[in-house]
């Protein structure tokens, strides 16, 4: 959609909170969604990533998440 004279707006746009709520509603209950964290290191075993350490922005604590499968997108 064009907003005259200099702006363009995607046909797929929304408020961030609305998008968050929509995506959250699609996740199964057993998914542990952890927001406001930054990855700071990976725990590796040879060529395999076994876990990722995150810094929690709210508490400053470091949390390590262990997983059988780690996807870096």
Protein backbone atom coordinates (compact mmCIF):
# COMPACT_ATOMS: atom_id res chain seq x y z
CA UNK A 1 0.00 0.00 0.00
CA UNK A 2 1.36 3.39 -0.88
CA UNK A 3 1.06 6.33 1.50
CA UNK A 4 1.38 9.44 -0.56
CA UNK A 5 3.91 10.72 -1.47
CA UNK A 6 7.03 8.97 -0.14
CA UNK A 7 6.09 5.98 2.01
CA UNK A 8 5.32 2.33 1.35
CA UNK A 9 3.71 -0.05 3.85
CA UNK A 10 3.81 -3.81 3.44
CA UNK A 11 0.51 -5.64 3.05
CA UNK A 12 1.77 -7.88 5.84
CA UNK A 13 2.29 -5.58 8.81
CA UNK A 14 1.03 -5.51 12.38
CA UNK A 15 1.78 -4.24 15.84
CA UNK A 16 4.62 -6.23 17.46
CA UNK A 17 2.47 -7.23 20.46
CA UNK A 18 -0.27 -8.57 18.18
CA UNK A 19 2.28 -10.60 16.19
CA UNK A 20 3.81 -11.95 19.42
CA UNK A 21 0.42 -13.02 20.75
CA UNK A 22 -0.53 -14.68 17.45
CA UNK A 23 2.73 -16.63 17.21
CA UNK A 24 2.61 -17.57 20.91
CA UNK A 25 -0.91 -18.97 20.48
CA UNK A 26 0.40 -21.34 17.78
CA UNK A 27 3.07 -22.90 20.02
CA UNK A 28 2.30 -26.07 21.96
CA UNK A 29 2.08 -25.64 25.75
CA UNK A 30 5.27 -27.65 26.36
CA UNK A 31 7.43 -25.13 24.46
CA UNK A 32 9.39 -23.03 26.96
CA UNK A 33 9.69 -19.62 25.34
CA UNK A 34 12.48 -17.55 26.89
CA UNK A 35 12.54 -13.92 25.86
CA UNK A 36 14.99 -11.09 26.59
CA UNK A 37 18.11 -13.25 26.39
CA UNK A 38 21.28 -13.04 24.34
CA UNK A 39 23.39 -16.08 23.37
CA UNK A 40 26.93 -15.66 24.69
CA UNK A 41 28.56 -19.05 24.16
CA UNK A 42 28.00 -22.59 22.95
CA UNK A 43 28.87 -25.84 24.70
CA UNK A 44 30.41 -28.03 22.01
CA UNK A 45 31.51 -31.65 21.81
CA UNK A 46 33.63 -32.03 18.70
CA UNK A 47 31.44 -30.88 15.81
CA UNK A 48 28.23 -30.97 17.86
CA UNK A 49 26.58 -28.19 19.85
CA UNK A 50 25.21 -29.66 23.08
CA UNK A 51 23.97 -26.47 24.71
CA UNK A 52 23.91 -22.70 24.52
CA UNK A 53 24.58 -20.22 27.32
CA UNK A 54 22.38 -17.11 27.38
CA UNK A 55 22.57 -13.89 29.37
CA UNK A 56 19.23 -12.91 30.84
CA UNK A 57 18.76 -9.17 30.20
CA UNK A 58 16.46 -8.74 33.20
CA UNK A 59 18.55 -10.49 35.88
CA UNK A 60 22.03 -10.51 34.33
CA UNK A 61 22.31 -14.22 35.12
CA UNK A 62 23.73 -16.75 32.68
CA UNK A 63 21.40 -19.63 31.80
CA UNK A 64 22.52 -22.70 29.88
CA UNK A 65 19.99 -24.56 27.76
CA UNK A 66 20.86 -28.17 26.87
CA UNK A 67 19.29 -29.79 23.82
CA UNK A 68 19.54 -32.88 21.65
CA UNK A 69 19.13 -30.65 18.62
CA UNK A 70 20.30 -27.04 18.18
CA UNK A 71 19.26 -25.04 15.11
CA UNK A 72 21.06 -21.81 14.26
CA UNK A 73 18.86 -19.87 11.88
